[in-house]
Amino acid sequence: MYEELSYIDYDDDEFSPNWYNIECVKTISDLSRQIRTLLNYRAAIIYHRLRSNDISHENIPNIKFQEKKEKFEILALKYIKLLNKLKDYGDVEDGYQNLLKFRNKSNSSFLKDLLNLTNQLFTFIHYSSEDNELLRIPFLKVVVRIAQEACKTQMNLKEQQFEFFKELSENYKSLENEITISNPDFIQQKPNKQKMGEMIAS
């Protein structure tokens, strides 16, 4: 295992006790938000399961939904492209380790971009979990699939939060399975909505 964000060189003199307190509060707040997001999605899936016989609302055109969906897809595709670049350094898991082990300016820039994009995805995923208009089953399944990959990125880049994001990833996997089991016919009717998830799996 490697030190959290070990690809960034810091000057120890720059950090005061107050800085550490601020970072601690920020970390706790971030992790708390991750848990709330997961619970929001779990509640949404239960809601859809109870309405399994009434899915007509999923097909109602909605400009807000389409705009938010497109913004997410842009972020997700950028993220997937960065993940694919990890294959230049081995498979995905080895790619993280090799980039952190053999640090140079190019590797550091790549990892910073990846971490920044991952944080943007998590921010979108959180706000989406609190917006009922975005909790549509096909889109929800893609979001949950992307969330699993984002968790894996955090696991590899943040050692101190490894166990947290490992368990979070497993919970999102469980949610994905619940969506598929609860809505098999509806999911099959909308295969194009799973395009990004399939790109990750390939």
N, C-alpha and C. Protein backbone atom coordinates (compact mmCIF):
# COMPACT_ATOMS: atom_id res chain seq x y z
N MET A 1 0.85 -1.20 0.00
CA MET A 1 0.00 0.00 0.00
C MET A 1 0.88 1.24 0.00
N TYR A 2 0.40 2.30 -0.53
CA TYR A 2 1.19 3.50 -0.67
C TYR A 2 0.55 4.64 0.10
N GLU A 3 1.33 5.65 0.38
CA GLU A 3 0.84 6.77 1.17
C GLU A 3 -0.21 7.54 0.38
N GLU A 4 -1.19 8.08 1.13
CA GLU A 4 -2.27 8.83 0.48
C GLU A 4 -1.72 9.99 -0.31
N LEU A 5 -2.12 10.07 -1.57
CA LEU A 5 -1.68 11.14 -2.48
C LEU A 5 -0.17 11.26 -2.48
N SER A 6 0.52 10.12 -2.48
CA SER A 6 1.97 10.13 -2.35
C SER A 6 2.67 10.69 -3.58
N TYR A 7 1.94 10.92 -4.66
CA TYR A 7 2.56 11.44 -5.86
C TYR A 7 2.72 12.95 -5.81
N ILE A 8 2.23 13.58 -4.72
CA ILE A 8 2.37 15.02 -4.57
C ILE A 8 3.42 15.30 -3.51
N ASP A 9 4.37 16.13 -3.81
CA ASP A 9 5.42 16.48 -2.87
C ASP A 9 5.00 17.70 -2.06
N TYR A 10 5.02 17.57 -0.73
CA TYR A 10 4.63 18.65 0.14
C TYR A 10 5.80 19.09 1.01
N ASP A 11 5.74 20.33 1.45
CA ASP A 11 6.69 20.86 2.41
C ASP A 11 6.03 20.79 3.78
N ASP A 12 6.60 20.00 4.71
CA ASP A 12 5.99 19.80 6.02
C ASP A 12 5.79 21.10 6.77
N ASP A 13 6.64 22.09 6.50
CA ASP A 13 6.53 23.37 7.20
C ASP A 13 5.25 24.11 6.84
N GLU A 14 4.63 23.72 5.72
CA GLU A 14 3.43 24.42 5.27
C GLU A 14 2.21 24.06 6.11
N PHE A 15 2.28 22.98 6.88
CA PHE A 15 1.12 22.49 7.59
C PHE A 15 1.16 22.85 9.06
N SER A 16 0.13 23.51 9.52
CA SER A 16 -0.02 23.87 10.92
C SER A 16 -1.05 22.96 11.55
N PRO A 17 -1.13 22.90 12.89
CA PRO A 17 -2.17 22.08 13.54
C PRO A 17 -3.56 22.46 13.08
N ASN A 18 -3.77 23.75 12.83
CA ASN A 18 -5.08 24.20 12.37
C ASN A 18 -5.41 23.62 11.01
N TRP A 19 -4.39 23.51 10.14
CA TRP A 19 -4.61 22.93 8.80
C TRP A 19 -5.07 21.49 8.93
N TYR A 20 -4.44 20.72 9.84
CA TYR A 20 -4.83 19.33 10.02
C TYR A 20 -6.25 19.22 10.55
N ASN A 21 -6.64 20.14 11.45
CA ASN A 21 -8.00 20.14 11.99
C ASN A 21 -9.01 20.39 10.88
N ILE A 22 -8.71 21.35 10.00
CA ILE A 22 -9.59 21.66 8.90
C ILE A 22 -9.74 20.46 7.96
N GLU A 23 -8.60 19.82 7.66
CA GLU A 23 -8.63 18.66 6.76
C GLU A 23 -9.40 17.50 7.38
N CYS A 24 -9.27 17.35 8.71
CA CYS A 24 -9.98 16.27 9.39
C CYS A 24 -11.49 16.49 9.31
N VAL A 25 -11.92 17.70 9.57
CA VAL A 25 -13.34 18.03 9.50
C VAL A 25 -13.85 17.84 8.08
N LYS A 26 -13.05 18.27 7.09
CA LYS A 26 -13.43 18.13 5.69
C LYS A 26 -13.58 16.66 5.30
N THR A 27 -12.64 15.83 5.77
CA THR A 27 -12.70 14.41 5.45
C THR A 27 -13.93 13.76 6.05
N ILE A 28 -14.21 14.07 7.29
CA ILE A 28 -15.39 13.52 7.96
C ILE A 28 -16.65 13.94 7.23
N SER A 29 -16.71 15.21 6.83
CA SER A 29 -17.87 15.72 6.10
C SER A 29 -18.03 15.00 4.76
N ASP A 30 -16.91 14.79 4.06
CA ASP A 30 -16.96 14.11 2.76
C ASP A 30 -17.46 12.68 2.90
N LEU A 31 -16.94 11.96 3.89
CA LEU A 31 -17.33 10.56 4.08
C LEU A 31 -18.79 10.46 4.53
N SER A 32 -19.21 11.41 5.36
CA SER A 32 -20.61 11.44 5.79
C SER A 32 -21.53 11.64 4.59
N ARG A 33 -21.11 12.51 3.66
CA ARG A 33 -21.91 12.76 2.46
C ARG A 33 -21.98 11.50 1.59
N GLN A 34 -20.89 10.75 1.55
CA GLN A 34 -20.89 9.51 0.77
C GLN A 34 -21.92 8.53 1.32
N ILE A 35 -22.02 8.45 2.64
CA ILE A 35 -22.98 7.55 3.25
C ILE A 35 -24.40 8.00 2.97
N ARG A 36 -24.65 9.31 3.08
CA ARG A 36 -25.99 9.84 2.79
C ARG A 36 -26.37 9.55 1.34
N THR A 37 -25.41 9.69 0.45
CA THR A 37 -25.68 9.43 -0.97
C THR A 37 -26.10 7.98 -1.18
N LEU A 38 -25.36 7.07 -0.60
CA LEU A 38 -25.68 5.64 -0.71
C LEU A 38 -27.08 5.35 -0.19
N LEU A 39 -27.41 5.91 0.97
CA LEU A 39 -28.73 5.69 1.57
C LEU A 39 -29.83 6.29 0.70
N ASN A 40 -29.56 7.43 0.09
CA ASN A 40 -30.54 8.05 -0.81
C ASN A 40 -30.85 7.13 -1.99
N TYR A 41 -29.80 6.54 -2.57
CA TYR A 41 -30.00 5.65 -3.71
C TYR A 41 -30.71 4.37 -3.29
N ARG A 42 -30.38 3.88 -2.12
CA ARG A 42 -31.07 2.67 -1.64
C ARG A 42 -32.56 2.95 -1.45
N ALA A 43 -32.87 4.11 -0.90
CA ALA A 43 -34.28 4.48 -0.71
C ALA A 43 -34.98 4.62 -2.06
N ALA A 44 -34.28 5.17 -3.05
CA ALA A 44 -34.87 5.35 -4.38
C ALA A 44 -35.17 3.99 -5.02
N ILE A 45 -34.28 3.03 -4.83
CA ILE A 45 -34.49 1.71 -5.40
C ILE A 45 -35.68 1.01 -4.76
N ILE A 46 -35.82 1.17 -3.44
CA ILE A 46 -36.98 0.61 -2.74
C ILE A 46 -38.26 1.24 -3.27
N TYR A 47 -38.22 2.55 -3.46
CA TYR A 47 -39.38 3.28 -4.00
C TYR A 47 -39.77 2.74 -5.37
N HIS A 48 -38.77 2.54 -6.24
CA HIS A 48 -39.06 2.02 -7.59
C HIS A 48 -39.58 0.59 -7.53
N ARG A 49 -39.07 -0.19 -6.57
CA ARG A 49 -39.54 -1.56 -6.45
C ARG A 49 -41.02 -1.60 -6.07
N LEU A 50 -41.42 -0.68 -5.20
CA LEU A 50 -42.82 -0.61 -4.80
C LEU A 50 -43.71 -0.13 -5.94
N ARG A 51 -43.11 0.61 -6.89
CA ARG A 51 -43.87 1.10 -8.04
C ARG A 51 -43.56 0.30 -9.29
N SER A 52 -43.13 -0.93 -9.12
CA SER A 52 -42.68 -1.75 -10.24
C SER A 52 -43.74 -1.95 -11.31
N ASN A 53 -45.01 -1.83 -10.94
CA ASN A 53 -46.10 -2.02 -11.91
C ASN A 53 -46.50 -0.72 -12.61
N ASP A 54 -45.80 0.36 -12.26
CA ASP A 54 -46.13 1.65 -12.86
C ASP A 54 -44.85 2.37 -13.24
N ILE A 55 -44.34 2.11 -14.45
CA ILE A 55 -43.07 2.69 -14.89
C ILE A 55 -43.27 3.72 -15.99
N SER A 56 -44.55 4.08 -16.24
CA SER A 56 -44.82 5.03 -17.31
C SER A 56 -44.16 6.37 -17.07
N HIS A 57 -43.98 6.76 -15.79
CA HIS A 57 -43.38 8.05 -15.47
C HIS A 57 -41.93 8.13 -15.94
N GLU A 58 -41.29 6.96 -16.12
CA GLU A 58 -39.88 6.93 -16.54
C GLU A 58 -39.73 7.44 -17.97
N ASN A 59 -40.78 7.34 -18.76
CA ASN A 59 -40.69 7.70 -20.17
C ASN A 59 -41.19 9.11 -20.47
N ILE A 60 -41.61 9.82 -19.44
CA ILE A 60 -42.11 11.18 -19.64
C ILE A 60 -40.94 12.11 -19.96
N PRO A 61 -40.97 12.83 -21.10
CA PRO A 61 -39.88 13.74 -21.45
C PRO A 61 -39.67 14.78 -20.35
N ASN A 62 -38.41 15.06 -20.05
CA ASN A 62 -38.10 16.02 -18.99
C ASN A 62 -36.79 16.73 -19.37
N ILE A 63 -36.89 18.03 -19.64
CA ILE A 63 -35.72 18.79 -20.08
C ILE A 63 -34.63 18.82 -19.00
N LYS A 64 -35.04 19.01 -17.76
CA LYS A 64 -34.07 19.05 -16.66
C LYS A 64 -33.30 17.75 -16.56
N PHE A 65 -34.03 16.65 -16.66
CA PHE A 65 -33.39 15.34 -16.59
C PHE A 65 -32.38 15.16 -17.72
N GLN A 66 -32.78 15.51 -18.94
CA GLN A 66 -31.89 15.34 -20.09
C GLN A 66 -30.62 16.18 -19.96
N GLU A 67 -30.76 17.42 -19.47
CA GLU A 67 -29.60 18.29 -19.33
C GLU A 67 -28.64 17.74 -18.28
N LYS A 68 -29.17 17.32 -17.14
CA LYS A 68 -28.32 16.77 -16.08
C LYS A 68 -27.68 15.45 -16.53
N LYS A 69 -28.46 14.66 -17.24
CA LYS A 69 -27.96 13.38 -17.73
C LYS A 69 -26.78 13.59 -18.68
N GLU A 70 -26.92 14.56 -19.58
CA GLU A 70 -25.84 14.85 -20.54
C GLU A 70 -24.58 15.34 -19.83
N LYS A 71 -24.74 16.17 -18.81
CA LYS A 71 -23.59 16.66 -18.05
C LYS A 71 -22.86 15.49 -17.37
N PHE A 72 -23.65 14.58 -16.83
CA PHE A 72 -23.05 13.41 -16.18
C PHE A 72 -22.32 12.54 -17.18
N GLU A 73 -22.92 12.34 -18.34
CA GLU A 73 -22.31 11.49 -19.37
C GLU A 73 -20.98 12.07 -19.83
N ILE A 74 -20.91 13.39 -19.94
CA ILE A 74 -19.65 14.04 -20.34
C ILE A 74 -18.56 13.75 -19.31
N LEU A 75 -18.90 13.93 -18.03
CA LEU A 75 -17.95 13.66 -16.95
C LEU A 75 -17.55 12.19 -16.93
N ALA A 76 -18.55 11.32 -17.05
CA ALA A 76 -18.29 9.88 -16.98
C ALA A 76 -17.41 9.39 -18.12
N LEU A 77 -17.66 9.90 -19.33
CA LEU A 77 -16.85 9.48 -20.48
C LEU A 77 -15.41 9.96 -20.35
N LYS A 78 -15.21 11.17 -19.81
CA LYS A 78 -13.85 11.66 -19.56
C LYS A 78 -13.15 10.75 -18.55
N TYR A 79 -13.89 10.36 -17.54
CA TYR A 79 -13.35 9.48 -16.50
C TYR A 79 -12.98 8.12 -17.07
N ILE A 80 -13.86 7.57 -17.89
CA ILE A 80 -13.60 6.27 -18.51
C ILE A 80 -12.36 6.32 -19.39
N LYS A 81 -12.18 7.42 -20.12
CA LYS A 81 -11.00 7.57 -20.97
C LYS A 81 -9.73 7.57 -20.14
N LEU A 82 -9.77 8.23 -18.98
CA LEU A 82 -8.60 8.23 -18.10
C LEU A 82 -8.34 6.83 -17.56
N LEU A 83 -9.40 6.11 -17.21
CA LEU A 83 -9.22 4.74 -16.73
C LEU A 83 -8.59 3.87 -17.81
N ASN A 84 -9.02 4.07 -19.04
CA ASN A 84 -8.46 3.28 -20.14
C ASN A 84 -6.97 3.56 -20.33
N LYS A 85 -6.56 4.79 -20.03
CA LYS A 85 -5.14 5.13 -20.15
C LYS A 85 -4.29 4.38 -19.13
N LEU A 86 -4.92 3.96 -18.04
CA LEU A 86 -4.18 3.19 -17.03
C LEU A 86 -3.65 1.88 -17.61
N LYS A 87 -4.32 1.40 -18.66
CA LYS A 87 -3.89 0.15 -19.28
C LYS A 87 -2.52 0.26 -19.93
N ASP A 88 -2.07 1.51 -20.15
CA ASP A 88 -0.71 1.71 -20.66
C ASP A 88 0.33 1.30 -19.63
N TYR A 89 -0.11 1.19 -18.38
CA TYR A 89 0.82 0.85 -17.29
C TYR A 89 0.52 -0.53 -16.71
N GLY A 90 -0.25 -1.32 -17.42
CA GLY A 90 -0.66 -2.64 -16.95
C GLY A 90 -2.18 -2.67 -16.88
N ASP A 91 -2.74 -3.60 -16.09
CA ASP A 91 -4.19 -3.54 -15.91
C ASP A 91 -4.50 -2.37 -14.99
N VAL A 92 -5.79 -2.15 -14.70
CA VAL A 92 -6.17 -0.96 -13.95
C VAL A 92 -5.50 -0.91 -12.58
N GLU A 93 -5.54 -2.01 -11.83
CA GLU A 93 -4.95 -2.02 -10.50
C GLU A 93 -3.44 -1.80 -10.56
N ASP A 94 -2.75 -2.49 -11.47
CA ASP A 94 -1.31 -2.30 -11.61
C ASP A 94 -1.00 -0.90 -12.10
N GLY A 95 -1.90 -0.35 -12.90
CA GLY A 95 -1.70 0.99 -13.42
C GLY A 95 -1.60 2.02 -12.31
N TYR A 96 -2.49 1.93 -11.34
CA TYR A 96 -2.44 2.85 -10.20
C TYR A 96 -1.10 2.71 -9.48
N GLN A 97 -0.73 1.48 -9.19
CA GLN A 97 0.49 1.23 -8.42
C GLN A 97 1.73 1.70 -9.18
N ASN A 98 1.79 1.42 -10.47
CA ASN A 98 2.96 1.82 -11.24
C ASN A 98 3.08 3.34 -11.36
N LEU A 99 1.94 4.01 -11.51
CA LEU A 99 1.97 5.47 -11.59
C LEU A 99 2.44 6.09 -10.29
N LEU A 100 2.04 5.49 -9.18
CA LEU A 100 2.46 6.00 -7.88
C LEU A 100 3.91 5.63 -7.57
N LYS A 101 4.33 4.49 -8.06
CA LYS A 101 5.70 4.02 -7.79
C LYS A 101 6.72 4.79 -8.60
N PHE A 102 6.42 4.98 -9.87
CA PHE A 102 7.37 5.67 -10.75
C PHE A 102 6.88 7.10 -10.99
N ARG A 103 7.12 7.94 -10.02
CA ARG A 103 6.59 9.30 -10.08
C ARG A 103 7.43 10.20 -10.98
N ASN A 104 6.75 10.94 -11.81
CA ASN A 104 7.39 11.99 -12.59
C ASN A 104 6.31 13.04 -12.85
N LYS A 105 6.68 14.10 -13.54
CA LYS A 105 5.75 15.21 -13.76
C LYS A 105 4.51 14.76 -14.51
N SER A 106 4.70 13.91 -15.52
CA SER A 106 3.58 13.45 -16.33
C SER A 106 2.62 12.58 -15.51
N ASN A 107 3.18 11.64 -14.75
CA ASN A 107 2.35 10.77 -13.93
C ASN A 107 1.58 11.54 -12.88
N SER A 108 2.25 12.50 -12.25
CA SER A 108 1.60 13.31 -11.21
C SER A 108 0.45 14.11 -11.79
N SER A 109 0.64 14.67 -12.97
CA SER A 109 -0.41 15.44 -13.62
C SER A 109 -1.61 14.54 -13.95
N PHE A 110 -1.33 13.34 -14.44
CA PHE A 110 -2.40 12.41 -14.79
C PHE A 110 -3.21 12.03 -13.55
N LEU A 111 -2.52 11.72 -12.46
CA LEU A 111 -3.22 11.30 -11.25
C LEU A 111 -4.01 12.44 -10.62
N LYS A 112 -3.49 13.64 -10.71
CA LYS A 112 -4.23 14.79 -10.20
C LYS A 112 -5.51 14.99 -11.01
N ASP A 113 -5.40 14.84 -12.33
CA ASP A 113 -6.58 14.97 -13.19
C ASP A 113 -7.61 13.90 -12.86
N LEU A 114 -7.13 12.68 -12.64
CA LEU A 114 -8.01 11.56 -12.33
C LEU A 114 -8.72 11.78 -10.99
N LEU A 115 -7.97 12.24 -10.00
CA LEU A 115 -8.56 12.48 -8.69
C LEU A 115 -9.57 13.62 -8.75
N ASN A 116 -9.23 14.66 -9.48
CA ASN A 116 -10.13 15.80 -9.61
C ASN A 116 -11.44 15.39 -10.30
N LEU A 117 -11.32 14.59 -11.36
CA LEU A 117 -12.51 14.14 -12.08
C LEU A 117 -13.35 13.20 -11.22
N THR A 118 -12.68 12.37 -10.44
CA THR A 118 -13.39 11.47 -9.53
C THR A 118 -14.20 12.26 -8.51
N ASN A 119 -13.60 13.33 -7.98
CA ASN A 119 -14.31 14.17 -7.01
C ASN A 119 -15.51 14.87 -7.65
N GLN A 120 -15.35 15.29 -8.91
CA GLN A 120 -16.47 15.91 -9.62
C GLN A 120 -17.62 14.92 -9.81
N LEU A 121 -17.26 13.68 -10.12
CA LEU A 121 -18.28 12.65 -10.30
C LEU A 121 -19.02 12.40 -8.99
N PHE A 122 -18.28 12.30 -7.89
CA PHE A 122 -18.92 12.06 -6.61
C PHE A 122 -19.84 13.22 -6.22
N THR A 123 -19.43 14.44 -6.55
CA THR A 123 -20.28 15.59 -6.26
C THR A 123 -21.59 15.49 -7.03
N PHE A 124 -21.49 15.16 -8.32
CA PHE A 124 -22.69 15.01 -9.15
C PHE A 124 -23.55 13.86 -8.64
N ILE A 125 -22.91 12.75 -8.32
CA ILE A 125 -23.63 11.57 -7.83
C ILE A 125 -24.40 11.90 -6.56
N HIS A 126 -23.78 12.69 -5.68
CA HIS A 126 -24.46 13.06 -4.44
C HIS A 126 -25.69 13.92 -4.71
N TYR A 127 -25.52 14.99 -5.48
CA TYR A 127 -26.65 15.87 -5.75
C TYR A 127 -27.74 15.17 -6.54
N SER A 128 -27.36 14.23 -7.39
CA SER A 128 -28.35 13.46 -8.13
C SER A 128 -29.20 12.60 -7.19
N SER A 129 -28.57 12.12 -6.14
CA SER A 129 -29.29 11.26 -5.19
C SER A 129 -30.36 12.02 -4.43
N GLU A 130 -30.29 13.35 -4.45
CA GLU A 130 -31.27 14.18 -3.74
C GLU A 130 -32.25 14.85 -4.70
N ASP A 131 -32.19 14.46 -5.97
CA ASP A 131 -33.07 15.03 -6.98
C ASP A 131 -33.95 13.93 -7.57
N ASN A 132 -35.21 13.93 -7.20
CA ASN A 132 -36.12 12.87 -7.64
C ASN A 132 -36.22 12.75 -9.15
N GLU A 133 -36.04 13.87 -9.86
CA GLU A 133 -36.16 13.85 -11.32
C GLU A 133 -35.04 13.01 -11.96
N LEU A 134 -33.93 12.84 -11.24
CA LEU A 134 -32.80 12.10 -11.81
C LEU A 134 -32.77 10.64 -11.39
N LEU A 135 -33.69 10.25 -10.52
CA LEU A 135 -33.68 8.88 -10.00
C LEU A 135 -34.53 7.96 -10.88
N ARG A 136 -34.18 7.90 -12.15
CA ARG A 136 -34.86 7.02 -13.10
C ARG A 136 -34.02 5.75 -13.27
N ILE A 137 -34.67 4.62 -13.32
CA ILE A 137 -33.98 3.34 -13.22
C ILE A 137 -32.82 3.13 -14.20
N PRO A 138 -32.98 3.30 -15.51
CA PRO A 138 -31.84 3.05 -16.41
C PRO A 138 -30.65 3.97 -16.10
N PHE A 139 -30.94 5.26 -15.88
CA PHE A 139 -29.89 6.22 -15.55
C PHE A 139 -29.29 5.90 -14.18
N LEU A 140 -30.13 5.50 -13.25
CA LEU A 140 -29.67 5.16 -11.91
C LEU A 140 -28.68 4.00 -11.94
N LYS A 141 -28.93 3.04 -12.80
CA LYS A 141 -28.02 1.89 -12.88
C LYS A 141 -26.65 2.32 -13.40
N VAL A 142 -26.62 3.22 -14.38
CA VAL A 142 -25.34 3.72 -14.89
C VAL A 142 -24.59 4.50 -13.82
N VAL A 143 -25.32 5.35 -13.09
CA VAL A 143 -24.70 6.14 -12.02
C VAL A 143 -24.08 5.23 -10.96
N VAL A 144 -24.82 4.21 -10.57
CA VAL A 144 -24.33 3.27 -9.56
C VAL A 144 -23.09 2.53 -10.06
N ARG A 145 -23.08 2.20 -11.37
CA ARG A 145 -21.92 1.50 -11.94
C ARG A 145 -20.69 2.40 -11.94
N ILE A 146 -20.87 3.66 -12.31
CA ILE A 146 -19.77 4.61 -12.31
C ILE A 146 -19.27 4.84 -10.88
N ALA A 147 -20.20 4.88 -9.92
CA ALA A 147 -19.84 5.09 -8.52
C ALA A 147 -18.91 3.99 -8.03
N GLN A 148 -19.12 2.76 -8.48
CA GLN A 148 -18.25 1.66 -8.08
C GLN A 148 -16.81 1.90 -8.54
N GLU A 149 -16.67 2.35 -9.79
CA GLU A 149 -15.33 2.61 -10.32
C GLU A 149 -14.67 3.80 -9.61
N ALA A 150 -15.48 4.82 -9.31
CA ALA A 150 -14.95 5.99 -8.60
C ALA A 150 -14.45 5.58 -7.22
N CYS A 151 -15.17 4.66 -6.58
CA CYS A 151 -14.73 4.14 -5.28
C CYS A 151 -13.38 3.45 -5.39
N LYS A 152 -13.19 2.69 -6.46
CA LYS A 152 -11.92 1.99 -6.67
C LYS A 152 -10.77 2.97 -6.86
N THR A 153 -11.06 4.09 -7.53
CA THR A 153 -10.03 5.12 -7.70
C THR A 153 -9.63 5.67 -6.34
N GLN A 154 -10.63 5.98 -5.52
CA GLN A 154 -10.34 6.52 -4.18
C GLN A 154 -9.60 5.49 -3.34
N MET A 155 -9.94 4.23 -3.47
CA MET A 155 -9.26 3.17 -2.74
C MET A 155 -7.77 3.16 -3.06
N ASN A 156 -7.45 3.36 -4.32
CA ASN A 156 -6.06 3.28 -4.76
C ASN A 156 -5.26 4.55 -4.50
N LEU A 157 -5.94 5.69 -4.42
CA LEU A 157 -5.22 6.94 -4.25
C LEU A 157 -5.25 7.48 -2.83
N LYS A 158 -6.11 6.90 -1.99
CA LYS A 158 -6.21 7.38 -0.61
C LYS A 158 -6.12 6.21 0.36
N GLU A 159 -4.92 5.94 0.82
CA GLU A 159 -4.68 4.78 1.66
C GLU A 159 -5.51 4.81 2.94
N GLN A 160 -5.60 5.96 3.58
CA GLN A 160 -6.30 6.05 4.86
C GLN A 160 -7.79 5.79 4.73
N GLN A 161 -8.32 5.91 3.52
CA GLN A 161 -9.75 5.70 3.30
C GLN A 161 -10.01 4.42 2.51
N PHE A 162 -9.01 3.58 2.41
CA PHE A 162 -9.10 2.37 1.59
C PHE A 162 -10.28 1.49 2.00
N GLU A 163 -10.35 1.14 3.28
CA GLU A 163 -11.40 0.24 3.74
C GLU A 163 -12.78 0.85 3.57
N PHE A 164 -12.90 2.15 3.79
CA PHE A 164 -14.19 2.82 3.64
C PHE A 164 -14.70 2.70 2.20
N PHE A 165 -13.84 3.07 1.24
CA PHE A 165 -14.28 3.04 -0.15
C PHE A 165 -14.40 1.62 -0.69
N LYS A 166 -13.65 0.69 -0.12
CA LYS A 166 -13.82 -0.71 -0.51
C LYS A 166 -15.21 -1.19 -0.14
N GLU A 167 -15.64 -0.90 1.07
CA GLU A 167 -16.98 -1.30 1.51
C GLU A 167 -18.05 -0.53 0.75
N LEU A 168 -17.79 0.76 0.48
CA LEU A 168 -18.76 1.56 -0.27
C LEU A 168 -18.95 0.99 -1.67
N SER A 169 -17.85 0.58 -2.30
CA SER A 169 -17.93 -0.01 -3.63
C SER A 169 -18.76 -1.29 -3.62
N GLU A 170 -18.58 -2.10 -2.59
CA GLU A 170 -19.34 -3.34 -2.46
C GLU A 170 -20.82 -3.05 -2.28
N ASN A 171 -21.13 -1.98 -1.54
CA ASN A 171 -22.53 -1.60 -1.35
C ASN A 171 -23.16 -1.12 -2.65
N TYR A 172 -22.40 -0.38 -3.45
CA TYR A 172 -22.92 0.06 -4.74
C TYR A 172 -23.12 -1.12 -5.68
N LYS A 173 -22.24 -2.11 -5.58
CA LYS A 173 -22.41 -3.33 -6.38
C LYS A 173 -23.70 -4.03 -5.99
N SER A 174 -23.97 -4.06 -4.70
CA SER A 174 -25.21 -4.66 -4.21
C SER A 174 -26.43 -3.91 -4.73
N LEU A 175 -26.33 -2.58 -4.79
CA LEU A 175 -27.43 -1.77 -5.32
C LEU A 175 -27.65 -2.07 -6.80
N GLU A 176 -26.56 -2.22 -7.54
CA GLU A 176 -26.68 -2.53 -8.96
C GLU A 176 -27.42 -3.85 -9.16
N ASN A 177 -27.09 -4.84 -8.34
CA ASN A 177 -27.76 -6.13 -8.42
C ASN A 177 -29.24 -6.01 -8.08
N GLU A 178 -29.56 -5.18 -7.08
CA GLU A 178 -30.96 -4.97 -6.70
C GLU A 178 -31.75 -4.34 -7.84
N ILE A 179 -31.12 -3.39 -8.53
CA ILE A 179 -31.79 -2.73 -9.65
C ILE A 179 -32.11 -3.75 -10.75
N THR A 180 -31.15 -4.59 -11.07
CA THR A 180 -31.32 -5.58 -12.13
C THR A 180 -32.39 -6.61 -11.77
N ILE A 181 -32.35 -7.07 -10.53
CA ILE A 181 -33.32 -8.08 -10.08
C ILE A 181 -34.73 -7.51 -10.01
N SER A 182 -34.83 -6.26 -9.53
CA SER A 182 -36.14 -5.65 -9.33
C SER A 182 -36.78 -5.15 -10.62
N ASN A 183 -35.93 -4.85 -11.63
CA ASN A 183 -36.45 -4.26 -12.87
C ASN A 183 -35.89 -4.93 -14.11
N PRO A 184 -35.91 -6.26 -14.20
CA PRO A 184 -35.29 -6.95 -15.34
C PRO A 184 -35.89 -6.58 -16.69
N ASP A 185 -37.20 -6.49 -16.76
CA ASP A 185 -37.85 -6.19 -18.03
C ASP A 185 -37.57 -4.75 -18.47
N PHE A 186 -37.64 -3.84 -17.54
CA PHE A 186 -37.44 -2.43 -17.86
C PHE A 186 -35.99 -2.18 -18.26
N ILE A 187 -35.05 -2.80 -17.56
CA ILE A 187 -33.64 -2.65 -17.90
C ILE A 187 -33.37 -3.16 -19.30
N GLN A 188 -33.98 -4.31 -19.66
CA GLN A 188 -33.75 -4.89 -20.98
C GLN A 188 -34.36 -4.04 -22.08
N GLN A 189 -35.40 -3.29 -21.74
CA GLN A 189 -36.04 -2.46 -22.74
C GLN A 189 -35.20 -1.24 -23.08
N LYS A 190 -34.25 -0.87 -22.20
CA LYS A 190 -33.47 0.34 -22.38
C LYS A 190 -31.97 0.05 -22.37
N PRO A 191 -31.47 -0.87 -23.19
CA PRO A 191 -30.06 -1.25 -23.15
C PRO A 191 -29.12 -0.09 -23.46
N ASN A 192 -29.56 0.87 -24.29
CA ASN A 192 -28.68 1.98 -24.65
C ASN A 192 -28.33 2.84 -23.45
N LYS A 193 -29.14 2.83 -22.42
CA LYS A 193 -28.89 3.61 -21.23
C LYS A 193 -27.72 3.06 -20.44
N GLN A 194 -27.28 1.84 -20.75
CA GLN A 194 -26.21 1.21 -19.99
C GLN A 194 -24.88 1.29 -20.74
N LYS A 195 -24.82 2.08 -21.75
CA LYS A 195 -23.64 2.15 -22.61
C LYS A 195 -22.36 2.41 -21.84
N MET A 196 -22.38 3.39 -20.94
CA MET A 196 -21.17 3.73 -20.21
C MET A 196 -20.75 2.61 -19.27
N GLY A 197 -21.74 1.96 -18.65
CA GLY A 197 -21.41 0.84 -17.78
C GLY A 197 -20.75 -0.29 -18.54
N GLU A 198 -21.22 -0.53 -19.74
CA GLU A 198 -20.64 -1.57 -20.57
C GLU A 198 -19.23 -1.20 -21.00
N MET A 199 -18.98 0.09 -21.24
CA MET A 199 -17.65 0.53 -21.62
C MET A 199 -16.64 0.26 -20.53
N ILE A 200 -17.07 0.43 -19.28
CA ILE A 200 -16.19 0.18 -18.15
C ILE A 200 -15.89 -1.29 -18.03
N ALA A 201 -16.93 -2.11 -18.21
CA ALA A 201 -16.76 -3.55 -18.04
C ALA A 201 -15.90 -4.16 -19.12
N SER A 202 -15.83 -3.50 -20.29
CA SER A 202 -15.08 -4.07 -21.43
C SER A 202 -13.59 -3.94 -21.24
